[in-house]
Amino acid sequence: MMPEAPSSGNSVRHAQALFASIARRYDLANTVLSAGLHRTWKRQAAARAALRRGDRVLDAGAGTEDLARLALQAGATVTAVDISLEMLAAAQAKLGRTALRCVGQHLLAAVPQRVLR
């Protein structure tokens, strides 16, 4: 069952409910809907970032952390935030690592300032 459409006062809760409802199937849906092209797009984005060992990355809206995984492979330290705990749980199951969990309207406010420097 899909969550109700958002009103001006509950758009964050709507987004949380929507992504919670699809978290387990998000990667499959992304593959089907993009005909697998999302993998190429993400690899290209990671390559353009030209990450090196020791770089720090903030993956805001991390979802199931595909970009975070590519950054980790490049040797970067990654902090992943997402509005949906279920999406981060799906990422943790896939990657076997703990992401910084931040939920709410002001995601970046919950990230320690030392991470952003």
N, C-alpha and C. Protein backbone atom coordinates (compact mmCIF):
# COMPACT_ATOMS: atom_id res chain seq x y z
N MET A 1 0.85 -1.17 0.00
CA MET A 1 0.00 0.00 0.00
C MET A 1 0.90 1.24 0.00
N MET A 2 0.63 2.16 -0.90
CA MET A 2 1.42 3.39 -1.01
C MET A 2 0.94 4.41 0.01
N PRO A 3 1.87 5.18 0.58
CA PRO A 3 1.47 6.25 1.51
C PRO A 3 0.65 7.30 0.77
N GLU A 4 -0.14 8.04 1.54
CA GLU A 4 -0.94 9.12 0.97
C GLU A 4 -0.04 10.21 0.43
N ALA A 5 -0.54 10.97 -0.54
CA ALA A 5 0.21 12.09 -1.10
C ALA A 5 0.46 13.12 0.00
N PRO A 6 1.60 13.81 -0.08
CA PRO A 6 1.95 14.74 0.99
C PRO A 6 1.15 16.04 0.93
N SER A 7 0.93 16.60 2.10
CA SER A 7 0.44 17.96 2.19
C SER A 7 1.63 18.81 2.60
N SER A 8 1.48 20.09 2.68
CA SER A 8 2.63 20.95 2.98
C SER A 8 3.25 20.62 4.33
N GLY A 9 2.48 20.12 5.27
CA GLY A 9 3.00 19.86 6.61
C GLY A 9 3.62 18.50 6.82
N ASN A 10 3.44 17.57 5.89
CA ASN A 10 3.95 16.23 6.16
C ASN A 10 4.82 15.66 5.03
N SER A 11 5.45 16.50 4.25
CA SER A 11 6.22 15.99 3.11
C SER A 11 7.43 15.17 3.55
N VAL A 12 8.06 15.51 4.67
CA VAL A 12 9.18 14.71 5.15
C VAL A 12 8.69 13.34 5.58
N ARG A 13 7.61 13.30 6.34
CA ARG A 13 7.06 12.01 6.76
C ARG A 13 6.63 11.18 5.55
N HIS A 14 6.08 11.84 4.54
CA HIS A 14 5.68 11.14 3.32
C HIS A 14 6.90 10.51 2.64
N ALA A 15 7.98 11.29 2.50
CA ALA A 15 9.20 10.76 1.87
C ALA A 15 9.76 9.60 2.68
N GLN A 16 9.75 9.72 4.01
CA GLN A 16 10.23 8.63 4.85
C GLN A 16 9.40 7.37 4.64
N ALA A 17 8.08 7.53 4.62
CA ALA A 17 7.20 6.38 4.44
C ALA A 17 7.35 5.77 3.05
N LEU A 18 7.49 6.60 2.05
CA LEU A 18 7.64 6.12 0.68
C LEU A 18 8.90 5.27 0.55
N PHE A 19 10.04 5.81 1.01
CA PHE A 19 11.29 5.07 0.87
C PHE A 19 11.34 3.86 1.80
N ALA A 20 10.69 3.94 2.94
CA ALA A 20 10.60 2.77 3.82
C ALA A 20 9.86 1.64 3.12
N SER A 21 8.84 1.99 2.35
CA SER A 21 8.01 0.98 1.69
C SER A 21 8.72 0.30 0.52
N ILE A 22 9.74 0.95 -0.05
CA ILE A 22 10.42 0.37 -1.22
C ILE A 22 11.87 -0.01 -0.95
N ALA A 23 12.36 0.21 0.25
CA ALA A 23 13.78 0.02 0.54
C ALA A 23 14.31 -1.35 0.14
N ARG A 24 13.58 -2.41 0.45
CA ARG A 24 14.05 -3.77 0.15
C ARG A 24 14.15 -4.02 -1.35
N ARG A 25 13.34 -3.33 -2.13
CA ARG A 25 13.30 -3.56 -3.58
C ARG A 25 13.91 -2.41 -4.38
N TYR A 26 14.50 -1.43 -3.71
CA TYR A 26 14.98 -0.23 -4.38
C TYR A 26 16.04 -0.54 -5.44
N ASP A 27 17.03 -1.34 -5.09
CA ASP A 27 18.10 -1.64 -6.05
C ASP A 27 17.56 -2.37 -7.28
N LEU A 28 16.69 -3.33 -7.08
CA LEU A 28 16.09 -4.05 -8.20
C LEU A 28 15.26 -3.10 -9.07
N ALA A 29 14.45 -2.27 -8.42
CA ALA A 29 13.62 -1.32 -9.18
C ALA A 29 14.50 -0.36 -9.97
N ASN A 30 15.57 0.11 -9.37
CA ASN A 30 16.49 1.01 -10.06
C ASN A 30 17.11 0.34 -11.29
N THR A 31 17.47 -0.92 -11.15
CA THR A 31 18.05 -1.67 -12.26
C THR A 31 17.03 -1.85 -13.38
N VAL A 32 15.82 -2.24 -13.02
CA VAL A 32 14.78 -2.46 -14.03
C VAL A 32 14.40 -1.15 -14.72
N LEU A 33 14.14 -0.11 -13.93
CA LEU A 33 13.66 1.16 -14.50
C LEU A 33 14.71 1.87 -15.35
N SER A 34 15.99 1.67 -15.03
CA SER A 34 17.04 2.32 -15.82
C SER A 34 17.67 1.36 -16.83
N ALA A 35 17.14 0.15 -16.92
CA ALA A 35 17.72 -0.89 -17.79
C ALA A 35 19.19 -1.12 -17.45
N GLY A 36 19.51 -0.98 -16.17
CA GLY A 36 20.86 -1.22 -15.70
C GLY A 36 21.81 -0.05 -15.89
N LEU A 37 21.35 1.01 -16.53
CA LEU A 37 22.23 2.15 -16.80
C LEU A 37 22.66 2.90 -15.55
N HIS A 38 21.90 2.77 -14.46
CA HIS A 38 22.27 3.49 -13.24
C HIS A 38 23.66 3.12 -12.76
N ARG A 39 24.07 1.89 -13.03
CA ARG A 39 25.42 1.48 -12.62
C ARG A 39 26.49 2.29 -13.36
N THR A 40 26.29 2.49 -14.66
CA THR A 40 27.22 3.29 -15.46
C THR A 40 27.22 4.73 -14.99
N TRP A 41 26.06 5.30 -14.75
CA TRP A 41 25.96 6.69 -14.30
C TRP A 41 26.72 6.87 -12.99
N LYS A 42 26.55 5.92 -12.08
CA LYS A 42 27.21 6.03 -10.78
C LYS A 42 28.73 5.89 -10.91
N ARG A 43 29.17 4.97 -11.75
CA ARG A 43 30.62 4.83 -11.97
C ARG A 43 31.20 6.10 -12.58
N GLN A 44 30.47 6.70 -13.52
CA GLN A 44 30.92 7.95 -14.13
C GLN A 44 30.98 9.08 -13.10
N ALA A 45 29.97 9.15 -12.25
CA ALA A 45 29.96 10.19 -11.21
C ALA A 45 31.15 10.02 -10.27
N ALA A 46 31.42 8.79 -9.87
CA ALA A 46 32.55 8.52 -8.98
C ALA A 46 33.87 8.85 -9.66
N ALA A 47 34.00 8.51 -10.93
CA ALA A 47 35.24 8.80 -11.67
C ALA A 47 35.46 10.30 -11.78
N ARG A 48 34.40 11.05 -12.03
CA ARG A 48 34.52 12.51 -12.15
C ARG A 48 34.90 13.16 -10.82
N ALA A 49 34.53 12.52 -9.73
CA ALA A 49 34.91 13.06 -8.41
C ALA A 49 36.40 12.91 -8.16
N ALA A 50 37.05 12.01 -8.88
CA ALA A 50 38.50 11.78 -8.77
C ALA A 50 38.94 11.64 -7.31
N LEU A 51 38.25 10.76 -6.60
CA LEU A 51 38.54 10.55 -5.18
C LEU A 51 39.87 9.82 -4.99
N ARG A 52 40.53 10.17 -3.89
CA ARG A 52 41.80 9.53 -3.54
C ARG A 52 41.73 9.06 -2.09
N ARG A 53 42.66 8.19 -1.76
CA ARG A 53 42.76 7.71 -0.39
C ARG A 53 42.89 8.91 0.55
N GLY A 54 42.08 8.89 1.61
CA GLY A 54 42.11 9.96 2.59
C GLY A 54 41.08 11.06 2.36
N ASP A 55 40.48 11.10 1.18
CA ASP A 55 39.42 12.08 0.94
C ASP A 55 38.22 11.76 1.83
N ARG A 56 37.47 12.80 2.17
CA ARG A 56 36.25 12.60 2.96
C ARG A 56 35.05 12.95 2.10
N VAL A 57 34.05 12.07 2.15
CA VAL A 57 32.86 12.22 1.32
C VAL A 57 31.62 12.23 2.21
N LEU A 58 30.73 13.17 1.95
CA LEU A 58 29.42 13.17 2.58
C LEU A 58 28.43 12.78 1.51
N ASP A 59 27.83 11.61 1.65
CA ASP A 59 26.83 11.13 0.70
C ASP A 59 25.45 11.45 1.28
N ALA A 60 24.90 12.59 0.91
CA ALA A 60 23.59 13.03 1.40
C ALA A 60 22.53 12.48 0.47
N GLY A 61 21.51 11.84 1.05
CA GLY A 61 20.52 11.14 0.24
C GLY A 61 21.13 9.84 -0.26
N ALA A 62 21.84 9.16 0.64
CA ALA A 62 22.67 8.01 0.27
C ALA A 62 21.88 6.81 -0.22
N GLY A 63 20.63 6.69 0.17
CA GLY A 63 19.85 5.53 -0.28
C GLY A 63 20.52 4.24 0.14
N THR A 64 20.71 3.35 -0.82
CA THR A 64 21.35 2.07 -0.51
C THR A 64 22.86 2.12 -0.72
N GLU A 65 23.40 3.33 -0.80
CA GLU A 65 24.83 3.63 -0.74
C GLU A 65 25.67 3.09 -1.89
N ASP A 66 25.14 3.04 -3.09
CA ASP A 66 25.95 2.62 -4.23
C ASP A 66 27.11 3.58 -4.47
N LEU A 67 26.85 4.88 -4.41
CA LEU A 67 27.94 5.85 -4.59
C LEU A 67 28.92 5.81 -3.42
N ALA A 68 28.40 5.60 -2.23
CA ALA A 68 29.28 5.49 -1.05
C ALA A 68 30.23 4.31 -1.22
N ARG A 69 29.74 3.21 -1.75
CA ARG A 69 30.57 2.02 -1.96
C ARG A 69 31.71 2.34 -2.93
N LEU A 70 31.40 3.05 -4.00
CA LEU A 70 32.44 3.41 -4.97
C LEU A 70 33.47 4.35 -4.34
N ALA A 71 33.02 5.26 -3.50
CA ALA A 71 33.94 6.17 -2.80
C ALA A 71 34.83 5.38 -1.84
N LEU A 72 34.25 4.42 -1.14
CA LEU A 72 35.04 3.58 -0.24
C LEU A 72 36.10 2.80 -1.01
N GLN A 73 35.73 2.28 -2.17
CA GLN A 73 36.69 1.54 -2.99
C GLN A 73 37.85 2.42 -3.44
N ALA A 74 37.60 3.72 -3.58
CA ALA A 74 38.66 4.66 -3.97
C ALA A 74 39.53 5.04 -2.78
N GLY A 75 39.16 4.61 -1.58
CA GLY A 75 39.95 4.90 -0.40
C GLY A 75 39.45 6.07 0.42
N ALA A 76 38.30 6.62 0.05
CA ALA A 76 37.74 7.75 0.79
C ALA A 76 37.07 7.26 2.07
N THR A 77 36.95 8.17 3.02
CA THR A 77 36.15 7.95 4.23
C THR A 77 34.77 8.52 3.93
N VAL A 78 33.73 7.73 4.15
CA VAL A 78 32.39 8.14 3.75
C VAL A 78 31.46 8.25 4.94
N THR A 79 30.73 9.35 5.00
CA THR A 79 29.63 9.52 5.92
C THR A 79 28.37 9.54 5.07
N ALA A 80 27.48 8.62 5.33
CA ALA A 80 26.25 8.52 4.54
C ALA A 80 25.06 8.92 5.40
N VAL A 81 24.23 9.78 4.85
CA VAL A 81 23.00 10.19 5.53
C VAL A 81 21.83 10.00 4.59
N ASP A 82 20.71 9.66 5.16
CA ASP A 82 19.50 9.51 4.37
C ASP A 82 18.30 9.75 5.27
N ILE A 83 17.23 10.18 4.68
CA ILE A 83 16.02 10.45 5.44
C ILE A 83 15.33 9.15 5.88
N SER A 84 15.72 8.04 5.26
CA SER A 84 15.06 6.75 5.52
C SER A 84 16.01 5.77 6.21
N LEU A 85 15.68 5.41 7.44
CA LEU A 85 16.47 4.39 8.14
C LEU A 85 16.40 3.05 7.41
N GLU A 86 15.29 2.78 6.77
CA GLU A 86 15.13 1.51 6.05
C GLU A 86 16.08 1.44 4.86
N MET A 87 16.29 2.56 4.18
CA MET A 87 17.24 2.57 3.06
C MET A 87 18.66 2.35 3.58
N LEU A 88 19.00 2.98 4.70
CA LEU A 88 20.33 2.78 5.27
C LEU A 88 20.49 1.35 5.77
N ALA A 89 19.44 0.75 6.30
CA ALA A 89 19.50 -0.65 6.74
C ALA A 89 19.75 -1.56 5.55
N ALA A 90 19.11 -1.27 4.41
CA ALA A 90 19.34 -2.06 3.20
C ALA A 90 20.80 -1.91 2.76
N ALA A 91 21.33 -0.70 2.88
CA ALA A 91 22.74 -0.46 2.53
C ALA A 91 23.66 -1.23 3.45
N GLN A 92 23.38 -1.21 4.74
CA GLN A 92 24.22 -1.92 5.71
C GLN A 92 24.21 -3.41 5.44
N ALA A 93 23.05 -3.95 5.08
CA ALA A 93 22.97 -5.38 4.76
C ALA A 93 23.84 -5.70 3.54
N LYS A 94 23.89 -4.77 2.61
CA LYS A 94 24.64 -4.96 1.38
C LYS A 94 26.14 -4.73 1.60
N LEU A 95 26.49 -3.71 2.34
CA LEU A 95 27.89 -3.31 2.49
C LEU A 95 28.56 -3.82 3.75
N GLY A 96 27.76 -4.16 4.76
CA GLY A 96 28.33 -4.65 6.00
C GLY A 96 29.07 -3.58 6.78
N ARG A 97 28.63 -2.34 6.68
CA ARG A 97 29.26 -1.28 7.46
C ARG A 97 28.17 -0.37 8.01
N THR A 98 28.51 0.38 9.02
CA THR A 98 27.53 1.25 9.66
C THR A 98 27.64 2.66 9.10
N ALA A 99 26.53 3.18 8.64
CA ALA A 99 26.48 4.56 8.15
C ALA A 99 25.99 5.45 9.28
N LEU A 100 26.33 6.72 9.19
CA LEU A 100 25.78 7.69 10.12
C LEU A 100 24.31 7.84 9.80
N ARG A 101 23.46 7.59 10.76
CA ARG A 101 22.02 7.65 10.52
C ARG A 101 21.47 8.99 10.96
N CYS A 102 20.89 9.70 10.04
CA CYS A 102 20.27 10.98 10.33
C CYS A 102 18.89 10.98 9.70
N VAL A 103 17.90 11.27 10.48
CA VAL A 103 16.55 11.27 9.98
C VAL A 103 15.92 12.60 10.31
N GLY A 104 15.21 13.17 9.38
CA GLY A 104 14.50 14.41 9.65
C GLY A 104 14.68 15.42 8.55
N GLN A 105 14.09 16.56 8.77
CA GLN A 105 14.06 17.59 7.76
C GLN A 105 15.42 18.26 7.57
N HIS A 106 16.24 18.28 8.59
CA HIS A 106 17.51 18.98 8.53
C HIS A 106 18.64 17.97 8.68
N LEU A 107 18.84 17.15 7.65
CA LEU A 107 19.82 16.08 7.72
C LEU A 107 21.22 16.59 8.06
N LEU A 108 21.66 17.61 7.39
CA LEU A 108 23.04 18.06 7.59
C LEU A 108 23.27 18.67 8.95
N ALA A 109 22.23 19.16 9.60
CA ALA A 109 22.38 19.72 10.93
C ALA A 109 22.81 18.64 11.92
N ALA A 110 22.51 17.39 11.63
CA ALA A 110 22.84 16.29 12.53
C ALA A 110 24.25 15.75 12.27
N VAL A 111 24.91 16.18 11.21
CA VAL A 111 26.25 15.72 10.90
C VAL A 111 27.24 16.56 11.70
N PRO A 112 28.12 15.92 12.46
CA PRO A 112 29.09 16.69 13.23
C PRO A 112 29.91 17.61 12.32
N GLN A 113 30.15 18.82 12.77
CA GLN A 113 30.86 19.80 11.95
C GLN A 113 32.26 19.32 11.56
N ARG A 114 32.90 18.51 12.39
CA ARG A 114 34.23 18.01 12.05
C ARG A 114 34.19 17.15 10.79
N VAL A 115 33.06 16.51 10.52
CA VAL A 115 32.93 15.68 9.33
C VAL A 115 32.88 16.55 8.07
N LEU A 116 32.33 17.74 8.19
CA LEU A 116 32.14 18.61 7.03
C LEU A 116 33.37 19.43 6.68
N ARG A 117 34.39 19.39 7.51
CA ARG A 117 35.63 20.17 7.23
C ARG A 117 36.58 19.42 6.39
